[in-house]
N, C-alpha and C. Protein backbone atom coordinates (compact mmCIF):
# COMPACT_ATOMS: atom_id res chain seq x y z
N HIS A 1 0.83 -1.18 0.00
CA HIS A 1 0.00 0.00 0.00
C HIS A 1 0.87 1.24 0.00
N ALA A 2 0.28 2.40 -0.26
CA ALA A 2 1.02 3.63 -0.48
C ALA A 2 1.75 4.12 0.77
N ASN A 3 1.16 3.98 1.95
CA ASN A 3 1.80 4.43 3.18
C ASN A 3 2.64 3.31 3.77
N GLY A 4 3.74 3.67 4.42
CA GLY A 4 4.60 2.69 5.04
C GLY A 4 3.97 2.10 6.29
N VAL A 5 4.43 0.92 6.68
CA VAL A 5 3.97 0.25 7.89
C VAL A 5 5.08 0.33 8.92
N ALA A 6 4.73 0.75 10.14
CA ALA A 6 5.75 0.93 11.18
C ALA A 6 5.52 0.06 12.40
N GLY A 7 4.49 -0.75 12.42
CA GLY A 7 4.26 -1.64 13.54
C GLY A 7 3.18 -2.64 13.19
N VAL A 8 3.32 -3.86 13.69
CA VAL A 8 2.30 -4.89 13.45
C VAL A 8 2.05 -5.66 14.74
N ALA A 9 0.84 -6.19 14.87
CA ALA A 9 0.48 -7.00 16.03
C ALA A 9 -0.80 -7.76 15.69
N PHE A 10 -1.06 -8.83 16.43
CA PHE A 10 -2.33 -9.52 16.34
C PHE A 10 -3.22 -9.07 17.49
N SER A 11 -4.49 -8.82 17.21
CA SER A 11 -5.44 -8.52 18.26
C SER A 11 -5.92 -9.86 18.83
N PRO A 12 -6.60 -9.86 19.99
CA PRO A 12 -7.03 -11.11 20.61
C PRO A 12 -7.93 -11.96 19.72
N ASP A 13 -8.71 -11.34 18.83
CA ASP A 13 -9.60 -12.11 17.97
C ASP A 13 -8.91 -12.62 16.71
N GLY A 14 -7.58 -12.42 16.61
CA GLY A 14 -6.84 -12.91 15.46
C GLY A 14 -6.74 -11.94 14.31
N THR A 15 -7.32 -10.76 14.48
CA THR A 15 -7.22 -9.73 13.45
C THR A 15 -5.79 -9.20 13.42
N LEU A 16 -5.27 -9.01 12.23
CA LEU A 16 -3.95 -8.44 12.06
C LEU A 16 -4.07 -6.92 12.12
N LEU A 17 -3.24 -6.28 12.93
CA LEU A 17 -3.21 -4.83 13.03
C LEU A 17 -1.91 -4.33 12.42
N ALA A 18 -1.98 -3.31 11.60
CA ALA A 18 -0.79 -2.73 10.98
C ALA A 18 -0.84 -1.22 11.13
N GLY A 19 0.15 -0.65 11.81
CA GLY A 19 0.20 0.80 11.99
C GLY A 19 0.83 1.46 10.78
N GLU A 20 0.15 2.45 10.26
CA GLU A 20 0.65 3.15 9.08
C GLU A 20 1.45 4.37 9.47
N THR A 21 2.42 4.70 8.63
CA THR A 21 3.15 5.93 8.85
C THR A 21 2.24 7.14 8.65
N ALA A 22 1.09 6.95 8.02
CA ALA A 22 0.12 8.04 7.83
C ALA A 22 -0.82 8.20 9.03
N GLY A 23 -0.66 7.41 10.09
CA GLY A 23 -1.41 7.62 11.32
C GLY A 23 -2.61 6.73 11.55
N ALA A 24 -3.00 5.90 10.62
CA ALA A 24 -4.15 5.02 10.80
C ALA A 24 -3.68 3.63 11.22
N ILE A 25 -4.62 2.85 11.73
CA ILE A 25 -4.35 1.44 12.02
C ILE A 25 -5.16 0.64 11.01
N ARG A 26 -4.48 -0.04 10.12
CA ARG A 26 -5.17 -0.90 9.16
C ARG A 26 -5.42 -2.23 9.83
N ARG A 27 -6.57 -2.83 9.53
CA ARG A 27 -6.96 -4.10 10.14
C ARG A 27 -7.30 -5.11 9.07
N PHE A 28 -6.85 -6.34 9.26
CA PHE A 28 -7.09 -7.41 8.29
C PHE A 28 -7.56 -8.65 9.03
N ALA A 29 -8.51 -9.36 8.46
CA ALA A 29 -9.02 -10.60 9.04
C ALA A 29 -8.86 -11.72 8.02
N ALA A 30 -8.56 -12.91 8.52
CA ALA A 30 -8.44 -14.08 7.64
C ALA A 30 -9.82 -14.70 7.44
N ARG A 31 -10.22 -14.80 6.20
CA ARG A 31 -11.49 -15.44 5.86
C ARG A 31 -11.23 -16.41 4.72
N ASP A 32 -11.57 -17.65 4.92
CA ASP A 32 -11.36 -18.68 3.90
C ASP A 32 -9.92 -18.69 3.38
N GLY A 33 -8.97 -18.52 4.31
CA GLY A 33 -7.56 -18.58 3.93
C GLY A 33 -7.02 -17.32 3.26
N ARG A 34 -7.84 -16.28 3.14
CA ARG A 34 -7.40 -15.04 2.52
C ARG A 34 -7.58 -13.88 3.50
N TRP A 35 -6.69 -12.93 3.39
CA TRP A 35 -6.79 -11.75 4.24
C TRP A 35 -7.65 -10.71 3.56
N SER A 36 -8.63 -10.18 4.27
CA SER A 36 -9.45 -9.09 3.72
C SER A 36 -9.39 -7.91 4.68
N GLU A 37 -9.45 -6.71 4.13
CA GLU A 37 -9.32 -5.52 4.96
C GLU A 37 -10.65 -5.15 5.61
N LEU A 38 -10.56 -4.80 6.90
CA LEU A 38 -11.69 -4.32 7.68
C LEU A 38 -11.59 -2.79 7.75
N PRO A 39 -12.63 -2.11 8.24
CA PRO A 39 -12.53 -0.65 8.37
C PRO A 39 -11.32 -0.26 9.24
N ARG A 40 -10.67 0.80 8.84
CA ARG A 40 -9.49 1.28 9.57
C ARG A 40 -9.89 1.96 10.86
N TRP A 41 -8.98 1.87 11.84
CA TRP A 41 -9.14 2.64 13.06
C TRP A 41 -8.40 3.95 12.85
N LYS A 42 -9.02 5.02 13.23
CA LYS A 42 -8.36 6.32 13.19
C LYS A 42 -7.74 6.58 14.55
N THR A 43 -6.56 7.13 14.54
CA THR A 43 -5.91 7.52 15.78
C THR A 43 -5.62 9.00 15.72
N SER A 44 -5.17 9.56 16.83
CA SER A 44 -4.76 10.96 16.81
C SER A 44 -3.33 11.08 16.32
N ALA A 45 -2.74 9.96 15.94
CA ALA A 45 -1.35 9.93 15.47
C ALA A 45 -1.23 10.50 14.06
N THR A 46 -0.10 11.12 13.83
CA THR A 46 0.23 11.50 12.46
C THR A 46 1.20 10.49 11.87
N ILE A 47 2.02 9.87 12.73
CA ILE A 47 2.94 8.82 12.29
C ILE A 47 2.96 7.72 13.35
N VAL A 48 2.40 6.55 13.04
CA VAL A 48 2.44 5.41 13.96
C VAL A 48 3.83 4.80 13.90
N THR A 49 4.44 4.54 15.06
CA THR A 49 5.77 3.95 15.09
C THR A 49 5.78 2.53 15.66
N SER A 50 4.78 2.17 16.47
CA SER A 50 4.75 0.81 17.02
C SER A 50 3.37 0.51 17.61
N LEU A 51 3.11 -0.79 17.76
CA LEU A 51 1.85 -1.28 18.33
C LEU A 51 2.15 -2.39 19.33
N ALA A 52 1.35 -2.47 20.39
CA ALA A 52 1.46 -3.59 21.33
C ALA A 52 0.09 -3.85 21.93
N VAL A 53 -0.35 -5.10 21.93
CA VAL A 53 -1.63 -5.50 22.51
C VAL A 53 -1.40 -5.84 23.98
N SER A 54 -2.28 -5.34 24.86
CA SER A 54 -2.14 -5.60 26.30
C SER A 54 -2.30 -7.09 26.58
N PRO A 55 -1.71 -7.57 27.68
CA PRO A 55 -1.79 -9.00 28.01
C PRO A 55 -3.22 -9.52 28.13
N ASP A 56 -4.15 -8.68 28.61
CA ASP A 56 -5.53 -9.14 28.74
C ASP A 56 -6.30 -9.01 27.43
N GLY A 57 -5.64 -8.46 26.40
CA GLY A 57 -6.25 -8.36 25.08
C GLY A 57 -7.27 -7.25 24.94
N ARG A 58 -7.45 -6.43 25.97
CA ARG A 58 -8.49 -5.40 25.93
C ARG A 58 -8.03 -4.06 25.37
N HIS A 59 -6.72 -3.85 25.26
CA HIS A 59 -6.21 -2.55 24.80
C HIS A 59 -5.05 -2.72 23.83
N VAL A 60 -4.88 -1.73 22.99
CA VAL A 60 -3.75 -1.68 22.06
C VAL A 60 -3.02 -0.37 22.33
N ALA A 61 -1.74 -0.47 22.70
CA ALA A 61 -0.92 0.73 22.88
C ALA A 61 -0.33 1.08 21.52
N VAL A 62 -0.47 2.34 21.13
CA VAL A 62 0.03 2.83 19.86
C VAL A 62 1.10 3.88 20.16
N GLY A 63 2.32 3.60 19.78
CA GLY A 63 3.39 4.58 19.93
C GLY A 63 3.43 5.43 18.68
N PHE A 64 3.54 6.75 18.85
CA PHE A 64 3.60 7.59 17.66
C PHE A 64 4.26 8.93 17.94
N LEU A 65 4.48 9.64 16.88
CA LEU A 65 5.00 11.00 16.95
C LEU A 65 3.84 11.95 16.79
N ASP A 66 3.68 12.85 17.72
CA ASP A 66 2.60 13.83 17.65
C ASP A 66 3.17 15.13 17.10
N ASP A 67 3.06 15.29 15.80
CA ASP A 67 3.54 16.53 15.21
C ASP A 67 2.41 17.28 14.52
N SER A 68 1.18 17.01 14.96
CA SER A 68 0.03 17.63 14.32
C SER A 68 -0.06 19.14 14.57
N ASP A 69 0.47 19.61 15.70
CA ASP A 69 0.38 21.03 16.03
C ASP A 69 1.72 21.75 15.95
N SER A 70 2.74 21.10 15.41
CA SER A 70 4.05 21.70 15.43
C SER A 70 4.87 21.28 14.22
N PRO A 71 5.93 22.01 13.93
CA PRO A 71 6.79 21.59 12.82
C PRO A 71 7.41 20.23 13.11
N GLN A 72 7.84 19.55 12.07
CA GLN A 72 8.40 18.21 12.21
C GLN A 72 9.57 18.17 13.19
N SER A 73 10.31 19.23 13.31
CA SER A 73 11.49 19.24 14.18
C SER A 73 11.14 19.26 15.67
N THR A 74 9.89 19.46 16.03
CA THR A 74 9.51 19.49 17.44
C THR A 74 8.51 18.38 17.77
N ARG A 75 8.74 17.20 17.30
CA ARG A 75 7.85 16.07 17.55
C ARG A 75 7.86 15.66 19.01
N VAL A 76 6.70 15.32 19.53
CA VAL A 76 6.55 14.91 20.93
C VAL A 76 6.21 13.43 20.97
N PRO A 77 7.02 12.61 21.68
CA PRO A 77 6.68 11.19 21.81
C PRO A 77 5.35 11.02 22.53
N THR A 78 4.48 10.19 21.98
CA THR A 78 3.12 10.04 22.50
C THR A 78 2.71 8.57 22.45
N VAL A 79 1.95 8.14 23.45
CA VAL A 79 1.34 6.81 23.48
C VAL A 79 -0.16 7.00 23.60
N GLU A 80 -0.91 6.36 22.71
CA GLU A 80 -2.36 6.35 22.79
C GLU A 80 -2.79 4.91 23.05
N VAL A 81 -3.70 4.72 23.99
CA VAL A 81 -4.23 3.39 24.29
C VAL A 81 -5.64 3.31 23.71
N LEU A 82 -5.85 2.33 22.82
CA LEU A 82 -7.14 2.13 22.18
C LEU A 82 -7.87 0.95 22.79
N ASP A 83 -9.18 0.99 22.80
CA ASP A 83 -10.00 -0.14 23.19
C ASP A 83 -9.89 -1.16 22.05
N ALA A 84 -9.46 -2.38 22.35
CA ALA A 84 -9.22 -3.38 21.30
C ALA A 84 -10.50 -3.84 20.61
N ALA A 85 -11.64 -3.70 21.27
CA ALA A 85 -12.90 -4.13 20.67
C ALA A 85 -13.46 -3.10 19.70
N THR A 86 -13.27 -1.82 20.02
CA THR A 86 -13.89 -0.76 19.21
C THR A 86 -12.92 0.11 18.43
N GLY A 87 -11.65 0.14 18.87
CA GLY A 87 -10.67 1.02 18.24
C GLY A 87 -10.76 2.45 18.74
N GLN A 88 -11.64 2.71 19.70
CA GLN A 88 -11.79 4.06 20.25
C GLN A 88 -10.67 4.35 21.24
N SER A 89 -10.26 5.60 21.30
CA SER A 89 -9.20 6.02 22.21
C SER A 89 -9.67 5.94 23.65
N ALA A 90 -8.89 5.27 24.50
CA ALA A 90 -9.19 5.18 25.92
C ALA A 90 -8.41 6.24 26.70
N LYS A 91 -7.16 6.52 26.26
CA LYS A 91 -6.34 7.54 26.89
C LYS A 91 -5.15 7.85 25.99
N THR A 92 -4.61 9.03 26.16
CA THR A 92 -3.45 9.46 25.39
C THR A 92 -2.49 10.19 26.32
N TRP A 93 -1.20 9.85 26.20
CA TRP A 93 -0.17 10.55 26.97
C TRP A 93 0.82 11.19 26.01
N ARG A 94 1.01 12.49 26.14
CA ARG A 94 2.04 13.22 25.40
C ARG A 94 3.19 13.44 26.37
N PHE A 95 4.35 12.92 26.02
CA PHE A 95 5.50 13.00 26.91
C PHE A 95 6.42 14.16 26.52
N ALA A 96 5.88 15.38 26.53
CA ALA A 96 6.65 16.57 26.16
C ALA A 96 7.81 16.79 27.13
N GLN A 97 7.64 16.37 28.38
CA GLN A 97 8.67 16.60 29.39
C GLN A 97 9.97 15.83 29.12
N ILE A 98 9.92 14.81 28.25
CA ILE A 98 11.15 14.05 27.98
C ILE A 98 11.89 14.59 26.77
N GLY A 99 11.33 15.59 26.13
CA GLY A 99 12.02 16.20 25.00
C GLY A 99 11.58 15.61 23.67
N VAL A 100 12.07 16.22 22.65
CA VAL A 100 11.75 15.83 21.28
C VAL A 100 12.42 14.50 20.97
N GLY A 101 11.76 13.65 20.23
CA GLY A 101 12.38 12.39 19.83
C GLY A 101 11.40 11.41 19.25
N ASN A 102 11.92 10.48 18.52
CA ASN A 102 11.16 9.45 17.84
C ASN A 102 10.86 8.32 18.81
N LEU A 103 9.58 8.12 19.16
CA LEU A 103 9.18 6.99 19.99
C LEU A 103 9.21 5.76 19.09
N ARG A 104 10.08 4.80 19.40
CA ARG A 104 10.33 3.69 18.49
C ARG A 104 9.56 2.42 18.80
N THR A 105 9.59 1.97 20.04
CA THR A 105 9.00 0.68 20.39
C THR A 105 8.20 0.83 21.67
N VAL A 106 7.02 0.25 21.72
CA VAL A 106 6.22 0.25 22.95
C VAL A 106 5.91 -1.20 23.31
N ALA A 107 5.93 -1.51 24.62
CA ALA A 107 5.69 -2.89 25.08
C ALA A 107 4.98 -2.85 26.44
N TRP A 108 4.08 -3.79 26.66
CA TRP A 108 3.38 -3.93 27.94
C TRP A 108 4.15 -4.87 28.85
N SER A 109 4.03 -4.69 30.16
CA SER A 109 4.49 -5.71 31.10
C SER A 109 3.47 -6.85 31.04
N ALA A 110 3.86 -8.04 31.44
CA ALA A 110 2.98 -9.20 31.35
C ALA A 110 1.72 -9.05 32.21
N ASP A 111 1.82 -8.28 33.30
CA ASP A 111 0.63 -8.09 34.13
C ASP A 111 -0.18 -6.86 33.71
N GLY A 112 0.28 -6.15 32.69
CA GLY A 112 -0.44 -5.00 32.16
C GLY A 112 -0.35 -3.74 33.00
N SER A 113 0.50 -3.74 34.03
CA SER A 113 0.57 -2.59 34.94
C SER A 113 1.49 -1.48 34.43
N ARG A 114 2.41 -1.81 33.52
CA ARG A 114 3.38 -0.84 33.04
C ARG A 114 3.54 -0.93 31.53
N LEU A 115 4.00 0.18 30.97
CA LEU A 115 4.40 0.24 29.56
C LEU A 115 5.86 0.66 29.51
N ALA A 116 6.59 0.09 28.57
CA ALA A 116 7.96 0.51 28.32
C ALA A 116 8.02 1.02 26.88
N PHE A 117 8.90 1.98 26.64
CA PHE A 117 9.10 2.43 25.28
C PHE A 117 10.50 2.98 25.12
N SER A 118 10.98 2.97 23.89
CA SER A 118 12.28 3.55 23.59
C SER A 118 12.07 4.82 22.78
N GLN A 119 12.99 5.75 22.96
CA GLN A 119 12.90 7.05 22.32
C GLN A 119 14.28 7.48 21.84
N ASN A 120 14.36 7.79 20.55
CA ASN A 120 15.60 8.37 20.01
C ASN A 120 15.52 9.87 20.14
N THR A 121 16.51 10.47 20.79
CA THR A 121 16.52 11.92 20.92
C THR A 121 17.29 12.57 19.78
N ASP A 122 18.23 11.87 19.24
CA ASP A 122 18.99 12.32 18.07
C ASP A 122 19.75 11.11 17.55
N ARG A 123 20.62 11.30 16.62
CA ARG A 123 21.34 10.15 16.04
C ARG A 123 22.30 9.50 17.01
N GLU A 124 22.70 10.20 18.03
CA GLU A 124 23.69 9.66 18.96
C GLU A 124 23.13 9.15 20.28
N ARG A 125 21.85 9.34 20.54
CA ARG A 125 21.33 8.99 21.86
C ARG A 125 19.91 8.45 21.77
N ALA A 126 19.64 7.44 22.55
CA ALA A 126 18.29 6.91 22.68
C ALA A 126 18.10 6.47 24.13
N HIS A 127 16.87 6.48 24.60
CA HIS A 127 16.58 6.14 25.98
C HIS A 127 15.47 5.11 26.08
N ALA A 128 15.46 4.37 27.19
CA ALA A 128 14.38 3.43 27.49
C ALA A 128 13.62 3.99 28.69
N TRP A 129 12.31 4.06 28.56
CA TRP A 129 11.43 4.64 29.56
C TRP A 129 10.41 3.61 30.04
N VAL A 130 9.95 3.77 31.27
CA VAL A 130 8.88 2.95 31.83
C VAL A 130 7.87 3.90 32.45
N VAL A 131 6.58 3.59 32.28
CA VAL A 131 5.50 4.39 32.84
C VAL A 131 4.41 3.45 33.34
N GLN A 132 3.74 3.84 34.41
CA GLN A 132 2.61 3.06 34.91
C GLN A 132 1.47 3.11 33.89
N ARG A 133 0.60 2.13 33.93
CA ARG A 133 -0.52 2.06 32.98
C ARG A 133 -1.40 3.30 32.99
N ASP A 134 -1.45 4.01 34.12
CA ASP A 134 -2.27 5.22 34.21
C ASP A 134 -1.52 6.48 33.79
N GLY A 135 -0.28 6.33 33.30
CA GLY A 135 0.50 7.46 32.82
C GLY A 135 1.36 8.13 33.87
N THR A 136 1.36 7.62 35.09
CA THR A 136 2.16 8.20 36.17
C THR A 136 3.51 7.49 36.28
N GLU A 137 4.38 8.06 37.08
CA GLU A 137 5.69 7.48 37.39
C GLU A 137 6.54 7.23 36.15
N LEU A 138 6.60 8.19 35.25
CA LEU A 138 7.45 8.09 34.07
C LEU A 138 8.91 8.13 34.50
N ARG A 139 9.69 7.12 34.10
CA ARG A 139 11.09 7.03 34.51
C ARG A 139 11.98 6.69 33.32
N ASN A 140 13.07 7.43 33.20
CA ASN A 140 14.10 7.13 32.21
C ASN A 140 15.08 6.18 32.87
N LEU A 141 15.13 4.95 32.40
CA LEU A 141 16.00 3.95 33.03
C LEU A 141 17.40 3.91 32.42
N THR A 142 17.66 4.74 31.44
CA THR A 142 18.97 4.72 30.79
C THR A 142 19.70 6.05 30.88
N ALA A 143 19.15 7.03 31.57
CA ALA A 143 19.73 8.37 31.62
C ALA A 143 21.14 8.39 32.21
N ARG A 144 21.38 7.59 33.22
CA ARG A 144 22.69 7.64 33.88
C ARG A 144 23.72 6.69 33.28
N LEU A 145 23.35 6.03 32.20
CA LEU A 145 24.27 5.10 31.55
C LEU A 145 24.96 5.77 30.36
N SER A 146 26.05 5.21 29.94
CA SER A 146 26.82 5.81 28.84
C SER A 146 26.45 5.24 27.47
N GLU A 147 25.44 4.39 27.42
CA GLU A 147 25.07 3.79 26.14
C GLU A 147 24.62 4.85 25.15
N ARG A 148 24.92 4.64 23.88
CA ARG A 148 24.48 5.55 22.82
C ARG A 148 23.01 5.34 22.50
N GLY A 149 22.55 4.12 22.60
CA GLY A 149 21.18 3.84 22.20
C GLY A 149 20.55 2.77 23.06
N ALA A 150 19.24 2.85 23.17
CA ALA A 150 18.46 1.84 23.88
C ALA A 150 17.31 1.45 22.98
N ALA A 151 17.24 0.17 22.65
CA ALA A 151 16.23 -0.27 21.70
C ALA A 151 15.54 -1.53 22.18
N TRP A 152 14.36 -1.78 21.63
CA TRP A 152 13.56 -2.98 21.86
C TRP A 152 13.39 -3.33 23.32
N PRO A 153 12.82 -2.42 24.11
CA PRO A 153 12.62 -2.72 25.52
C PRO A 153 11.55 -3.80 25.72
N ALA A 154 11.75 -4.61 26.73
CA ALA A 154 10.77 -5.64 27.11
C ALA A 154 10.75 -5.72 28.62
N LEU A 155 9.56 -5.73 29.19
CA LEU A 155 9.42 -5.83 30.63
C LEU A 155 9.27 -7.28 31.05
N SER A 156 9.82 -7.60 32.22
CA SER A 156 9.70 -8.95 32.77
C SER A 156 8.24 -9.22 33.12
N PRO A 157 7.86 -10.50 33.30
CA PRO A 157 6.47 -10.81 33.62
C PRO A 157 5.92 -10.06 34.83
N ASP A 158 6.75 -9.78 35.84
CA ASP A 158 6.26 -9.04 37.00
C ASP A 158 6.43 -7.53 36.85
N GLY A 159 6.99 -7.07 35.72
CA GLY A 159 7.14 -5.64 35.46
C GLY A 159 8.25 -4.97 36.23
N ARG A 160 9.10 -5.75 36.90
CA ARG A 160 10.14 -5.16 37.76
C ARG A 160 11.51 -5.05 37.09
N LYS A 161 11.68 -5.71 35.96
CA LYS A 161 12.96 -5.65 35.22
C LYS A 161 12.68 -5.23 33.79
N LEU A 162 13.58 -4.42 33.25
CA LEU A 162 13.50 -4.00 31.86
C LEU A 162 14.69 -4.58 31.12
N LEU A 163 14.41 -5.30 30.07
CA LEU A 163 15.44 -5.87 29.21
C LEU A 163 15.51 -5.00 27.97
N TRP A 164 16.72 -4.63 27.52
CA TRP A 164 16.86 -3.78 26.35
C TRP A 164 18.21 -4.02 25.70
N ILE A 165 18.36 -3.54 24.49
CA ILE A 165 19.60 -3.70 23.74
C ILE A 165 20.26 -2.34 23.64
N ALA A 166 21.53 -2.27 24.00
CA ALA A 166 22.30 -1.03 23.93
C ALA A 166 23.11 -1.01 22.63
N ASP A 167 23.50 0.18 22.24
CA ASP A 167 24.36 0.33 21.06
C ASP A 167 25.69 0.90 21.52
N ARG A 168 26.71 0.08 21.46
CA ARG A 168 28.06 0.50 21.84
C ARG A 168 28.96 0.46 20.62
N ARG A 169 28.59 1.22 19.61
CA ARG A 169 29.40 1.35 18.39
C ARG A 169 29.81 0.00 17.82
N GLY A 170 28.81 -0.76 17.40
CA GLY A 170 29.06 -2.05 16.76
C GLY A 170 28.81 -3.24 17.66
N ARG A 171 28.97 -3.08 18.95
CA ARG A 171 28.64 -4.14 19.91
C ARG A 171 27.27 -3.82 20.48
N MET A 172 26.42 -4.79 20.57
CA MET A 172 25.05 -4.54 21.01
C MET A 172 24.71 -5.43 22.19
N PRO A 173 25.18 -5.08 23.39
CA PRO A 173 24.90 -5.92 24.56
C PRO A 173 23.44 -5.87 24.97
N ILE A 174 23.00 -6.96 25.56
CA ILE A 174 21.67 -7.03 26.14
C ILE A 174 21.82 -6.62 27.60
N ILE A 175 21.02 -5.65 28.03
CA ILE A 175 21.10 -5.08 29.37
C ILE A 175 19.80 -5.38 30.10
N VAL A 176 19.90 -5.67 31.40
CA VAL A 176 18.71 -5.78 32.25
C VAL A 176 18.83 -4.71 33.32
N THR A 177 17.74 -3.96 33.50
CA THR A 177 17.71 -2.86 34.46
C THR A 177 16.58 -3.08 35.45
N ASP A 178 16.88 -2.93 36.74
CA ASP A 178 15.87 -3.00 37.78
C ASP A 178 15.03 -1.73 37.69
N VAL A 179 13.72 -1.86 37.51
CA VAL A 179 12.85 -0.70 37.32
C VAL A 179 12.82 0.17 38.57
N ASP A 180 12.86 -0.41 39.77
CA ASP A 180 12.77 0.37 41.00
C ASP A 180 14.07 1.08 41.35
N SER A 181 15.19 0.39 41.27
CA SER A 181 16.47 0.99 41.68
C SER A 181 17.21 1.67 40.53
N GLY A 182 16.94 1.24 39.29
CA GLY A 182 17.68 1.77 38.14
C GLY A 182 19.01 1.09 37.91
N ASP A 183 19.36 0.11 38.75
CA ASP A 183 20.62 -0.61 38.59
C ASP A 183 20.57 -1.47 37.34
N SER A 184 21.67 -1.44 36.58
CA SER A 184 21.74 -2.18 35.32
C SER A 184 22.89 -3.17 35.32
N LYS A 185 22.71 -4.22 34.54
CA LYS A 185 23.72 -5.26 34.42
C LYS A 185 23.71 -5.76 32.99
N THR A 186 24.90 -5.94 32.41
CA THR A 186 25.01 -6.52 31.08
C THR A 186 24.80 -8.02 31.18
N VAL A 187 23.86 -8.53 30.39
CA VAL A 187 23.56 -9.96 30.39
C VAL A 187 24.51 -10.67 29.42
N THR A 188 24.64 -10.13 28.23
CA THR A 188 25.51 -10.72 27.23
C THR A 188 25.86 -9.67 26.19
N ALA A 189 26.95 -9.86 25.52
CA ALA A 189 27.36 -8.96 24.44
C ALA A 189 27.08 -9.63 23.11
N VAL A 190 26.54 -8.87 22.18
CA VAL A 190 26.23 -9.37 20.85
C VAL A 190 26.89 -8.42 19.86
N ASN A 191 27.64 -8.97 18.91
CA ASN A 191 28.27 -8.11 17.91
C ASN A 191 27.23 -7.67 16.91
N GLY A 192 27.21 -6.37 16.63
CA GLY A 192 26.31 -5.82 15.63
C GLY A 192 26.95 -5.89 14.26
N SER A 193 26.18 -5.62 13.24
CA SER A 193 26.75 -5.64 11.89
C SER A 193 26.60 -4.29 11.24
């Protein structure tokens, strides 16, 4: 299709969700072995960057850049939570306090109590953030580290540990960070290409 796809996920009913760079969520259902398009969900996003379905299947977190009211250079990382049954917005958080940057990946904790996301602030720096499901207690878990980038965050089943990949100029170690204390430990080093 004409617009790029920046995130994919399955909804609880097996519908395929695809986030468009144009801000919509395209939906596809399998019927008789073929995929057919369902009505699109509209979001307040101008550019969808990632999708994640909550563990209970009731919500879809949509990570996006909110540049609807500002020039492209002042994009605000934003997460919108949609009702998975209707596609209607349940809540939206604009994280202007963390600065301008591309919100790249959003993920739920297994118990649904927290969301994690990564944000690129520029070409040399990226951060991993955790926020409570209600939008409170926003924490940057990588601010005090020397890593250049933080990507693909994943929360542990109890939501107390954040697993992420750092960028150390070609080496990409897997890091685990305690959400409460902020203490981090390298789990393993992986060579990048």
